Amino acid sequence: SEQPQKQDLRRESYGNYIGTAQELWATYLSDGSEDEKDAAAVRLSVAEARVALVAENPKIKDAAMKLREVLTPEPSTYPKGLEGEQQQAQDYKEASEDFLDAARDETETIGE
């Protein structure tokens, strides 16, 4: 079974990632400046790198990557206007739930 420190580090990394994702999403909801979005996107990349370092299960890395792609989309991904915003919001909700599910699965099975 795994050392508790590693388990704590994993939980902390996953919690930090989802918190950073929520922070970046909030810059969209509040019409944050491009600088605010860019700074939050950099923090998300750093948090994702930590997830990649500690994750045992590739599902977590994939879920983190999908969430980042929703939050830092290519300009062509979501059309400008309400329809694009609604699609991004739906994708964000699904991607964050997928990440949380994968993180929960991994942290609950640790040490069994």
C-alpha atoms as a PDB file:
ATOM      1  CA  SER A   1       0.000   0.000   0.000  1.00  0.00           C
ATOM      2  CA  GLU A   2       1.024   3.563  -0.655  1.00  0.00           C
ATOM      3  CA  GLN A   3       2.502   6.064   1.793  1.00  0.00           C
ATOM      4  CA  PRO A   4      -0.023   8.548   3.189  1.00  0.00           C
ATOM      5  CA  GLN A   5       2.188  11.483   2.090  1.00  0.00           C
ATOM      6  CA  LYS A   6       1.849  10.466  -1.556  1.00  0.00           C
ATOM      7  CA  GLN A   7      -1.908  10.136  -1.156  1.00  0.00           C
ATOM      8  CA  ASP A   8      -2.087  13.595   0.447  1.00  0.00           C
ATOM      9  CA  LEU A   9       0.054  15.081  -2.330  1.00  0.00           C
ATOM     10  CA  ARG A  10      -2.263  13.572  -4.914  1.00  0.00           C
ATOM     11  CA  ARG A  11      -5.402  14.895  -3.216  1.00  0.00           C
ATOM     12  CA  GLU A  12      -3.806  18.318  -2.840  1.00  0.00           C
ATOM     13  CA  SER A  13      -2.760  18.370  -6.517  1.00  0.00           C
ATOM     14  CA  TYR A  14      -6.219  17.352  -7.732  1.00  0.00           C
ATOM     15  CA  GLY A  15      -7.941  19.838  -5.432  1.00  0.00           C
ATOM     16  CA  ASN A  16      -5.577  22.578  -6.558  1.00  0.00           C
ATOM     17  CA  TYR A  17      -6.262  21.751 -10.212  1.00  0.00           C
ATOM     18  CA  ILE A  18     -10.042  21.897  -9.923  1.00  0.00           C
ATOM     19  CA  GLY A  19      -9.781  25.109  -7.867  1.00  0.00           C
ATOM     20  CA  THR A  20      -7.537  26.691 -10.498  1.00  0.00           C
ATOM     21  CA  ALA A  21      -9.974  25.608 -13.227  1.00  0.00           C
ATOM     22  CA  GLN A  22     -12.848  27.230 -11.314  1.00  0.00           C
ATOM     23  CA  GLU A  23     -10.799  30.395 -10.954  1.00  0.00           C
ATOM     24  CA  LEU A  24     -10.200  30.529 -14.728  1.00  0.00           C
ATOM     25  CA  TRP A  25     -13.885  29.828 -15.413  1.00  0.00           C
ATOM     26  CA  ALA A  26     -14.774  32.732 -13.109  1.00  0.00           C
ATOM     27  CA  THR A  27     -12.735  35.086 -15.319  1.00  0.00           C
ATOM     28  CA  TYR A  28     -15.022  34.114 -18.216  1.00  0.00           C
ATOM     29  CA  LEU A  29     -18.188  34.608 -16.182  1.00  0.00           C
ATOM     30  CA  SER A  30     -17.072  38.013 -14.926  1.00  0.00           C
ATOM     31  CA  ASP A  31     -15.797  39.142 -18.344  1.00  0.00           C
ATOM     32  CA  GLY A  32     -12.278  39.295 -16.977  1.00  0.00           C
ATOM     33  CA  SER A  33      -9.552  41.033 -18.960  1.00  0.00           C
ATOM     34  CA  GLU A  34      -7.340  39.052 -21.339  1.00  0.00           C
ATOM     35  CA  ASP A  35      -4.482  39.558 -18.860  1.00  0.00           C
ATOM     36  CA  GLU A  36      -6.536  37.981 -16.063  1.00  0.00           C
ATOM     37  CA  LYS A  37      -7.488  35.063 -18.312  1.00  0.00           C
ATOM     38  CA  ASP A  38      -3.883  34.590 -19.438  1.00  0.00           C
ATOM     39  CA  ALA A  39      -2.570  34.630 -15.865  1.00  0.00           C
ATOM     40  CA  ALA A  40      -5.228  32.126 -14.760  1.00  0.00           C
ATOM     41  CA  ALA A  41      -4.455  29.930 -17.802  1.00  0.00           C
ATOM     42  CA  VAL A  42      -0.765  29.856 -16.814  1.00  0.00           C
ATOM     43  CA  ARG A  43      -1.724  28.803 -13.264  1.00  0.00           C
ATOM     44  CA  LEU A  44      -3.916  26.074 -14.759  1.00  0.00           C
ATOM     45  CA  SER A  45      -0.996  24.754 -16.852  1.00  0.00           C
ATOM     46  CA  VAL A  46       1.228  24.620 -13.771  1.00  0.00           C
ATOM     47  CA  ALA A  47      -1.509  22.839 -11.796  1.00  0.00           C
ATOM     48  CA  GLU A  48      -2.006  20.378 -14.666  1.00  0.00           C
ATOM     49  CA  ALA A  49       1.713  19.585 -14.681  1.00  0.00           C
ATOM     50  CA  ARG A  50       1.474  18.714 -10.969  1.00  0.00           C
ATOM     51  CA  VAL A  51      -1.490  16.437 -11.693  1.00  0.00           C
ATOM     52  CA  ALA A  52       0.519  14.699 -14.423  1.00  0.00           C
ATOM     53  CA  LEU A  53       3.393  14.125 -11.989  1.00  0.00           C
ATOM     54  CA  VAL A  54       1.312  12.492  -9.260  1.00  0.00           C
ATOM     55  CA  ALA A  55      -1.503  10.771 -11.176  1.00  0.00           C
ATOM     56  CA  GLU A  56      -1.373   6.984 -11.267  1.00  0.00           C
ATOM     57  CA  ASN A  57      -4.295   6.632 -13.621  1.00  0.00           C
ATOM     58  CA  PRO A  58      -4.088   7.977 -17.210  1.00  0.00           C
ATOM     59  CA  LYS A  59      -7.831   8.757 -16.968  1.00  0.00           C
ATOM     60  CA  ILE A  60      -6.979  11.624 -14.614  1.00  0.00           C
ATOM     61  CA  LYS A  61      -4.400  13.104 -16.974  1.00  0.00           C
ATOM     62  CA  ASP A  62      -6.878  12.843 -19.864  1.00  0.00           C
ATOM     63  CA  ALA A  63      -9.653  14.450 -17.812  1.00  0.00           C
ATOM     64  CA  ALA A  64      -7.322  17.288 -16.776  1.00  0.00           C
ATOM     65  CA  MET A  65      -6.306  17.862 -20.377  1.00  0.00           C
ATOM     66  CA  LYS A  66      -9.928  17.937 -21.567  1.00  0.00           C
ATOM     67  CA  LEU A  67     -10.826  20.443 -18.863  1.00  0.00           C
ATOM     68  CA  ARG A  68      -7.900  22.673 -19.863  1.00  0.00           C
ATOM     69  CA  GLU A  69      -8.931  22.467 -23.532  1.00  0.00           C
ATOM     70  CA  VAL A  70     -12.443  23.662 -22.632  1.00  0.00           C
ATOM     71  CA  LEU A  71     -11.000  26.553 -20.610  1.00  0.00           C
ATOM     72  CA  THR A  72      -8.280  27.537 -23.095  1.00  0.00           C
ATOM     73  CA  PRO A  73     -10.017  26.767 -26.389  1.00  0.00           C
ATOM     74  CA  GLU A  74      -8.818  27.422 -29.891  1.00  0.00           C
ATOM     75  CA  PRO A  75     -10.707  30.481 -31.199  1.00  0.00           C
ATOM     76  CA  SER A  76     -12.658  28.288 -33.638  1.00  0.00           C
ATOM     77  CA  THR A  77     -13.922  25.886 -30.931  1.00  0.00           C
ATOM     78  CA  TYR A  78     -16.816  28.007 -29.662  1.00  0.00           C
ATOM     79  CA  PRO A  79     -18.633  30.502 -31.871  1.00  0.00           C
ATOM     80  CA  LYS A  80     -18.874  34.054 -30.547  1.00  0.00           C
ATOM     81  CA  GLY A  81     -22.102  34.892 -28.785  1.00  0.00           C
ATOM     82  CA  LEU A  82     -24.597  33.159 -26.544  1.00  0.00           C
ATOM     83  CA  GLU A  83     -24.628  29.794 -28.316  1.00  0.00           C
ATOM     84  CA  GLY A  84     -20.862  29.416 -28.016  1.00  0.00           C
ATOM     85  CA  GLU A  85     -20.946  30.523 -24.366  1.00  0.00           C
ATOM     86  CA  GLN A  86     -23.671  28.002 -23.548  1.00  0.00           C
ATOM     87  CA  GLN A  87     -21.769  25.197 -25.291  1.00  0.00           C
ATOM     88  CA  GLN A  88     -18.581  26.091 -23.419  1.00  0.00           C
ATOM     89  CA  ALA A  89     -20.490  26.205 -20.126  1.00  0.00           C
ATOM     90  CA  GLN A  90     -21.963  22.743 -20.804  1.00  0.00           C
ATOM     91  CA  ASP A  91     -18.540  21.354 -21.787  1.00  0.00           C
ATOM     92  CA  TYR A  92     -16.968  22.916 -18.691  1.00  0.00           C
ATOM     93  CA  LYS A  93     -19.578  21.316 -16.435  1.00  0.00           C
ATOM     94  CA  GLU A  94     -19.057  17.882 -18.017  1.00  0.00           C
ATOM     95  CA  ALA A  95     -15.253  18.124 -18.081  1.00  0.00           C
ATOM     96  CA  SER A  96     -15.022  19.236 -14.443  1.00  0.00           C
ATOM     97  CA  GLU A  97     -17.384  16.435 -13.347  1.00  0.00           C
ATOM     98  CA  ASP A  98     -15.321  13.892 -15.303  1.00  0.00           C
ATOM     99  CA  PHE A  99     -12.143  15.142 -13.654  1.00  0.00           C
ATOM    100  CA  LEU A 100     -13.678  15.007 -10.179  1.00  0.00           C
ATOM    101  CA  ASP A 101     -15.033  11.485 -10.806  1.00  0.00           C
ATOM    102  CA  ALA A 102     -11.634  10.246 -11.996  1.00  0.00           C
ATOM    103  CA  ALA A 103      -9.876  11.926  -9.056  1.00  0.00           C
ATOM    104  CA  ARG A 104     -12.382  10.470  -6.595  1.00  0.00           C
ATOM    105  CA  ASP A 105     -12.009   6.977  -8.057  1.00  0.00           C
ATOM    106  CA  GLU A 106      -8.242   7.101  -7.750  1.00  0.00           C
ATOM    107  CA  THR A 107      -8.024   8.620  -4.280  1.00  0.00           C
ATOM    108  CA  GLU A 108     -10.672   6.243  -2.886  1.00  0.00           C
ATOM    109  CA  THR A 109      -8.899   3.114  -4.128  1.00  0.00           C
ATOM    110  CA  ILE A 110      -5.478   4.176  -2.818  1.00  0.00           C
ATOM    111  CA  GLY A 111      -4.181   1.910  -0.094  1.00  0.00           C
ATOM    112  CA  GLU A 112      -6.815  -0.812  -0.524  1.00  0.00           C
END
